[in-house]
C-alpha atoms as a PDB file:
ATOM      1  CA  MET A   1       2.306  -5.597  16.939  1.00  0.00           C
ATOM      2  CA  GLU A   2       4.762  -2.735  17.329  1.00  0.00           C
ATOM      3  CA  ALA A   3       2.949  -0.722  14.648  1.00  0.00           C
ATOM      4  CA  ALA A   4      -0.347  -1.199  16.502  1.00  0.00           C
ATOM      5  CA  LEU A   5       1.223   0.161  19.682  1.00  0.00           C
ATOM      6  CA  ARG A   6       2.546   3.198  17.818  1.00  0.00           C
ATOM      7  CA  VAL A   7      -0.891   3.844  16.324  1.00  0.00           C
ATOM      8  CA  ALA A   8      -2.496   3.525  19.763  1.00  0.00           C
ATOM      9  CA  GLU A   9       0.034   5.941  21.275  1.00  0.00           C
ATOM     10  CA  THR A  10      -0.466   8.404  18.424  1.00  0.00           C
ATOM     11  CA  LEU A  11      -4.249   8.307  18.847  1.00  0.00           C
ATOM     12  CA  LYS A  12      -3.883   8.762  22.599  1.00  0.00           C
ATOM     13  CA  SER A  13      -1.611  11.800  22.208  1.00  0.00           C
ATOM     14  CA  PHE A  14      -3.950  13.206  19.523  1.00  0.00           C
ATOM     15  CA  ARG A  15      -6.905  12.821  21.876  1.00  0.00           C
ATOM     16  CA  GLU A  16      -5.017  14.488  24.730  1.00  0.00           C
ATOM     17  CA  THR A  17      -3.741  17.431  22.678  1.00  0.00           C
ATOM     18  CA  ARG A  18      -6.334  18.218  20.017  1.00  0.00           C
ATOM     19  CA  LEU A  19      -9.564  16.799  21.334  1.00  0.00           C
ATOM     20  CA  SER A  20      -9.019  18.405  24.719  1.00  0.00           C
ATOM     21  CA  ALA A  21      -9.369  21.761  22.940  1.00  0.00           C
ATOM     22  CA  LEU A  22     -12.892  20.907  21.755  1.00  0.00           C
ATOM     23  CA  ARG A  23     -15.606  23.152  23.109  1.00  0.00           C
ATOM     24  CA  SER A  24     -19.111  21.844  23.716  1.00  0.00           C
ATOM     25  CA  PRO A  25     -21.642  22.146  20.877  1.00  0.00           C
ATOM     26  CA  THR A  26     -23.844  24.360  23.058  1.00  0.00           C
ATOM     27  CA  GLU A  27     -20.948  26.783  23.444  1.00  0.00           C
ATOM     28  CA  PHE A  28     -19.921  26.533  19.783  1.00  0.00           C
ATOM     29  CA  PHE A  29     -23.493  27.139  18.558  1.00  0.00           C
ATOM     30  CA  ASP A  30     -24.502  29.686  21.236  1.00  0.00           C
ATOM     31  CA  PHE A  31     -27.006  31.811  19.313  1.00  0.00           C
ATOM     32  CA  HIS A  32     -27.135  34.414  22.099  1.00  0.00           C
ATOM     33  CA  ARG A  33     -23.519  35.407  21.384  1.00  0.00           C
ATOM     34  CA  ILE A  34     -24.012  35.979  17.641  1.00  0.00           C
ATOM     35  CA  SER A  35     -23.881  39.588  16.506  1.00  0.00           C
ATOM     36  CA  ARG A  36     -22.599  41.645  13.628  1.00  0.00           C
ATOM     37  CA  PRO A  37     -19.209  43.231  14.333  1.00  0.00           C
ATOM     38  CA  ALA A  38     -19.303  47.028  14.519  1.00  0.00           C
ATOM     39  CA  ASP A  39     -16.189  47.582  12.406  1.00  0.00           C
ATOM     40  CA  MET A  40     -13.215  45.826  10.866  1.00  0.00           C
ATOM     41  CA  ASN A  41     -11.102  46.126  14.032  1.00  0.00           C
ATOM     42  CA  GLN A  42     -13.733  44.332  16.087  1.00  0.00           C
ATOM     43  CA  ALA A  43     -14.107  41.660  13.398  1.00  0.00           C
ATOM     44  CA  THR A  44     -10.334  41.132  13.337  1.00  0.00           C
ATOM     45  CA  SER A  45     -10.108  40.838  17.119  1.00  0.00           C
ATOM     46  CA  ARG A  46     -13.018  38.382  17.156  1.00  0.00           C
ATOM     47  CA  VAL A  47     -11.400  36.230  14.466  1.00  0.00           C
ATOM     48  CA  SER A  48      -8.084  36.316  16.326  1.00  0.00           C
ATOM     49  CA  TYR A  49      -9.637  35.259  19.634  1.00  0.00           C
ATOM     50  CA  ASN A  50     -12.156  32.734  18.301  1.00  0.00           C
ATOM     51  CA  THR A  51      -9.685  30.893  16.064  1.00  0.00           C
ATOM     52  CA  ARG A  52      -7.576  30.183  19.150  1.00  0.00           C
ATOM     53  CA  TYR A  53     -10.515  29.479  21.451  1.00  0.00           C
ATOM     54  CA  PHE A  54     -12.410  27.173  19.062  1.00  0.00           C
ATOM     55  CA  SER A  55      -9.357  25.656  17.346  1.00  0.00           C
ATOM     56  CA  GLY A  56     -10.392  22.088  18.168  1.00  0.00           C
ATOM     57  CA  ASN A  57     -13.895  22.621  16.778  1.00  0.00           C
ATOM     58  CA  TYR A  58     -12.500  24.216  13.633  1.00  0.00           C
ATOM     59  CA  GLY A  59     -10.176  21.233  13.187  1.00  0.00           C
ATOM     60  CA  VAL A  60     -13.209  18.928  13.326  1.00  0.00           C
ATOM     61  CA  ILE A  61     -14.900  21.076  10.658  1.00  0.00           C
ATOM     62  CA  VAL A  62     -11.880  20.789   8.353  1.00  0.00           C
ATOM     63  CA  ALA A  63     -11.699  17.019   8.923  1.00  0.00           C
ATOM     64  CA  ALA A  64     -15.427  16.605   8.269  1.00  0.00           C
ATOM     65  CA  LEU A  65     -15.182  18.595   5.044  1.00  0.00           C
ATOM     66  CA  GLY A  66     -12.210  16.440   3.999  1.00  0.00           C
ATOM     67  CA  VAL A  67     -14.140  13.227   4.615  1.00  0.00           C
ATOM     68  CA  TYR A  68     -17.134  14.653   2.753  1.00  0.00           C
ATOM     69  CA  ALA A  69     -14.931  15.622  -0.201  1.00  0.00           C
ATOM     70  CA  LEU A  70     -13.424  12.129  -0.372  1.00  0.00           C
ATOM     71  CA  LEU A  71     -16.800  10.419  -0.143  1.00  0.00           C
ATOM     72  CA  THR A  72     -18.310  12.599  -2.865  1.00  0.00           C
ATOM     73  CA  ASN A  73     -15.357  12.042  -5.217  1.00  0.00           C
ATOM     74  CA  PRO A  74     -15.252   8.251  -5.696  1.00  0.00           C
ATOM     75  CA  THR A  75     -12.582   8.488  -8.403  1.00  0.00           C
ATOM     76  CA  LEU A  76     -10.210  10.141  -5.964  1.00  0.00           C
ATOM     77  CA  LEU A  77     -11.052   7.558  -3.321  1.00  0.00           C
ATOM     78  CA  ILE A  78     -10.322   4.725  -5.791  1.00  0.00           C
ATOM     79  CA  ALA A  79      -7.062   6.355  -6.915  1.00  0.00           C
ATOM     80  CA  ILE A  80      -5.826   6.802  -3.343  1.00  0.00           C
ATOM     81  CA  ALA A  81      -6.850   3.257  -2.418  1.00  0.00           C
ATOM     82  CA  PHE A  82      -5.101   1.918  -5.527  1.00  0.00           C
ATOM     83  CA  LEU A  83      -1.842   3.752  -4.796  1.00  0.00           C
ATOM     84  CA  VAL A  84      -1.784   3.029  -1.052  1.00  0.00           C
ATOM     85  CA  GLY A  85      -2.847  -0.597  -1.575  1.00  0.00           C
ATOM     86  CA  GLY A  86      -0.275  -0.994  -4.334  1.00  0.00           C
ATOM     87  CA  PHE A  87       2.533   0.311  -2.123  1.00  0.00           C
ATOM     88  CA  ALA A  88       1.470  -1.968   0.717  1.00  0.00           C
ATOM     89  CA  ALA A  89       1.190  -5.019  -1.570  1.00  0.00           C
ATOM     90  CA  ILE A  90       4.548  -4.378  -3.238  1.00  0.00           C
ATOM     91  CA  ASN A  91       6.292  -3.909   0.106  1.00  0.00           C
ATOM     92  CA  LYS A  92       4.724  -7.061   1.526  1.00  0.00           C
ATOM     93  CA  PHE A  93       4.824  -9.455  -1.423  1.00  0.00           C
ATOM     94  CA  GLY A  94       7.348  -8.033  -3.865  1.00  0.00           C
ATOM     95  CA  PRO A  95      10.728  -7.547  -2.179  1.00  0.00           C
ATOM     96  CA  ASP A  96      12.223 -10.628  -3.886  1.00  0.00           C
ATOM     97  CA  PRO A  97      12.480 -10.882  -7.691  1.00  0.00           C
ATOM     98  CA  LEU A  98       9.974 -13.270  -9.241  1.00  0.00           C
ATOM     99  CA  GLN A  99      10.566 -15.340 -12.376  1.00  0.00           C
ATOM    100  CA  VAL A 100       7.519 -15.259 -14.711  1.00  0.00           C
ATOM    101  CA  GLY A 101       8.289 -17.214 -17.872  1.00  0.00           C
ATOM    102  CA  GLU A 102      11.353 -15.580 -19.384  1.00  0.00           C
ATOM    103  CA  HIS A 103      10.869 -12.297 -17.509  1.00  0.00           C
ATOM    104  CA  VAL A 104      12.114 -11.360 -14.073  1.00  0.00           C
ATOM    105  CA  VAL A 105       9.682  -9.134 -12.159  1.00  0.00           C
ATOM    106  CA  THR A 106      11.517  -6.933  -9.668  1.00  0.00           C
ATOM    107  CA  GLN A 107      10.245  -4.509  -7.063  1.00  0.00           C
ATOM    108  CA  LYS A 108      11.377  -1.640  -9.283  1.00  0.00           C
ATOM    109  CA  SER A 109       9.264  -2.850 -12.208  1.00  0.00           C
ATOM    110  CA  LEU A 110       6.240  -3.263  -9.925  1.00  0.00           C
ATOM    111  CA  TYR A 111       6.621   0.321  -8.707  1.00  0.00           C
ATOM    112  CA  THR A 112       6.938   1.468 -12.323  1.00  0.00           C
ATOM    113  CA  VAL A 113       3.660  -0.240 -13.245  1.00  0.00           C
ATOM    114  CA  LEU A 114       2.014   1.207 -10.135  1.00  0.00           C
ATOM    115  CA  PHE A 115       3.068   4.734 -11.083  1.00  0.00           C
ATOM    116  CA  VAL A 116       2.215   4.343 -14.772  1.00  0.00           C
ATOM    117  CA  VAL A 117      -1.335   3.328 -13.866  1.00  0.00           C
ATOM    118  CA  GLY A 118      -1.802   5.239 -10.593  1.00  0.00           C
ATOM    119  CA  ILE A 119      -0.571   8.723 -11.514  1.00  0.00           C
ATOM    120  CA  PRO A 120      -2.915   9.183 -14.523  1.00  0.00           C
ATOM    121  CA  LEU A 121      -5.772   7.787 -12.421  1.00  0.00           C
ATOM    122  CA  LEU A 122      -4.914  10.267  -9.667  1.00  0.00           C
ATOM    123  CA  TRP A 123      -4.627  13.108 -12.201  1.00  0.00           C
ATOM    124  CA  PHE A 124      -8.047  12.217 -13.620  1.00  0.00           C
ATOM    125  CA  ALA A 125      -9.516  12.344 -10.084  1.00  0.00           C
ATOM    126  CA  SER A 126      -8.468  16.039  -9.763  1.00  0.00           C
ATOM    127  CA  PRO A 127      -7.064  16.108  -6.223  1.00  0.00           C
ATOM    128  CA  LEU A 128      -6.000  19.757  -6.475  1.00  0.00           C
ATOM    129  CA  SER A 129      -9.545  20.969  -7.028  1.00  0.00           C
ATOM    130  CA  THR A 130     -10.648  18.871  -4.052  1.00  0.00           C
ATOM    131  CA  ILE A 131      -7.910  20.387  -1.873  1.00  0.00           C
ATOM    132  CA  PHE A 132      -8.809  23.912  -2.973  1.00  0.00           C
ATOM    133  CA  TRP A 133     -12.491  23.194  -2.277  1.00  0.00           C
ATOM    134  CA  ILE A 134     -11.664  21.979   1.237  1.00  0.00           C
ATOM    135  CA  VAL A 135      -9.486  25.041   1.898  1.00  0.00           C
ATOM    136  CA  GLY A 136     -12.081  27.476   0.535  1.00  0.00           C
ATOM    137  CA  ALA A 137     -15.063  25.920   2.270  1.00  0.00           C
ATOM    138  CA  SER A 138     -13.158  25.636   5.554  1.00  0.00           C
ATOM    139  CA  ALA A 139     -11.959  29.227   5.385  1.00  0.00           C
ATOM    140  CA  LEU A 140     -15.435  30.522   4.610  1.00  0.00           C
ATOM    141  CA  LEU A 141     -17.117  28.585   7.428  1.00  0.00           C
ATOM    142  CA  ILE A 142     -14.418  29.267  10.017  1.00  0.00           C
ATOM    143  CA  LEU A 143     -14.038  32.968   9.252  1.00  0.00           C
ATOM    144  CA  ALA A 144     -17.808  33.490   9.182  1.00  0.00           C
ATOM    145  CA  HIS A 145     -18.270  31.760  12.545  1.00  0.00           C
ATOM    146  CA  ALA A 146     -15.270  33.471  14.130  1.00  0.00           C
ATOM    147  CA  CYS A 147     -16.384  36.872  12.874  1.00  0.00           C
ATOM    148  CA  VAL A 148     -19.979  36.795  14.125  1.00  0.00           C
ATOM    149  CA  MET A 149     -19.392  34.988  17.451  1.00  0.00           C
ATOM    150  CA  GLU A 150     -18.815  37.405  20.317  1.00  0.00           C
ATOM    151  CA  PRO A 151     -15.970  36.407  22.632  1.00  0.00           C
ATOM    152  CA  GLY A 152     -17.066  35.224  26.058  1.00  0.00           C
ATOM    153  CA  ILE A 153     -16.352  36.832  29.399  1.00  0.00           C
ATOM    154  CA  GLU A 154     -13.183  34.755  29.726  1.00  0.00           C
ATOM    155  CA  SER A 155     -11.635  36.782  26.880  1.00  0.00           C
ATOM    156  CA  GLU A 156     -11.600  39.869  29.120  1.00  0.00           C
ATOM    157  CA  TYR A 157      -9.630  37.987  31.758  1.00  0.00           C
ATOM    158  CA  ALA A 158      -7.202  36.731  29.134  1.00  0.00           C
ATOM    159  CA  GLN A 159      -6.451  40.320  28.077  1.00  0.00           C
ATOM    160  CA  VAL A 160      -5.819  41.353  31.699  1.00  0.00           C
ATOM    161  CA  SER A 161      -3.460  38.427  32.351  1.00  0.00           C
ATOM    162  CA  ASP A 162      -1.559  39.155  29.109  1.00  0.00           C
ATOM    163  CA  SER A 163      -0.926  42.764  30.091  1.00  0.00           C
ATOM    164  CA  VAL A 164       0.295  41.921  33.620  1.00  0.00           C
END
């Protein structure tokens, strides 16, 4: 019960902090504000402004790419489920030693079996390539969007208030 309350509070604070920074899809995909930057300085200033302004939307893009990567790599999904489920099962059912025939099965031996099976399964699933794919795809999409999207009128007011 206490864990459910903590999860609810965490989701509520996440919604208040991160999801409040989401911009509407019409603003995020405003085709009238798309243009090629004139030079590298303009591209850099656009990326700097847009990464702050659209940070919530970019977070959703990274999360969506992460979910896509997990769903398209079933071996990685199975390996993560096996390890997480194994930890949960051992913590719930295995804290006390269990006598099986002449052998005593302890929590330590259960963790050893979990790691001996789970780590090679995880290695075979290639999580590092998945992480690098998520980072590369996210960086490409975010930088491309931030570079070609012209800052709105509100960016001019932000520069004035920063200099005052």
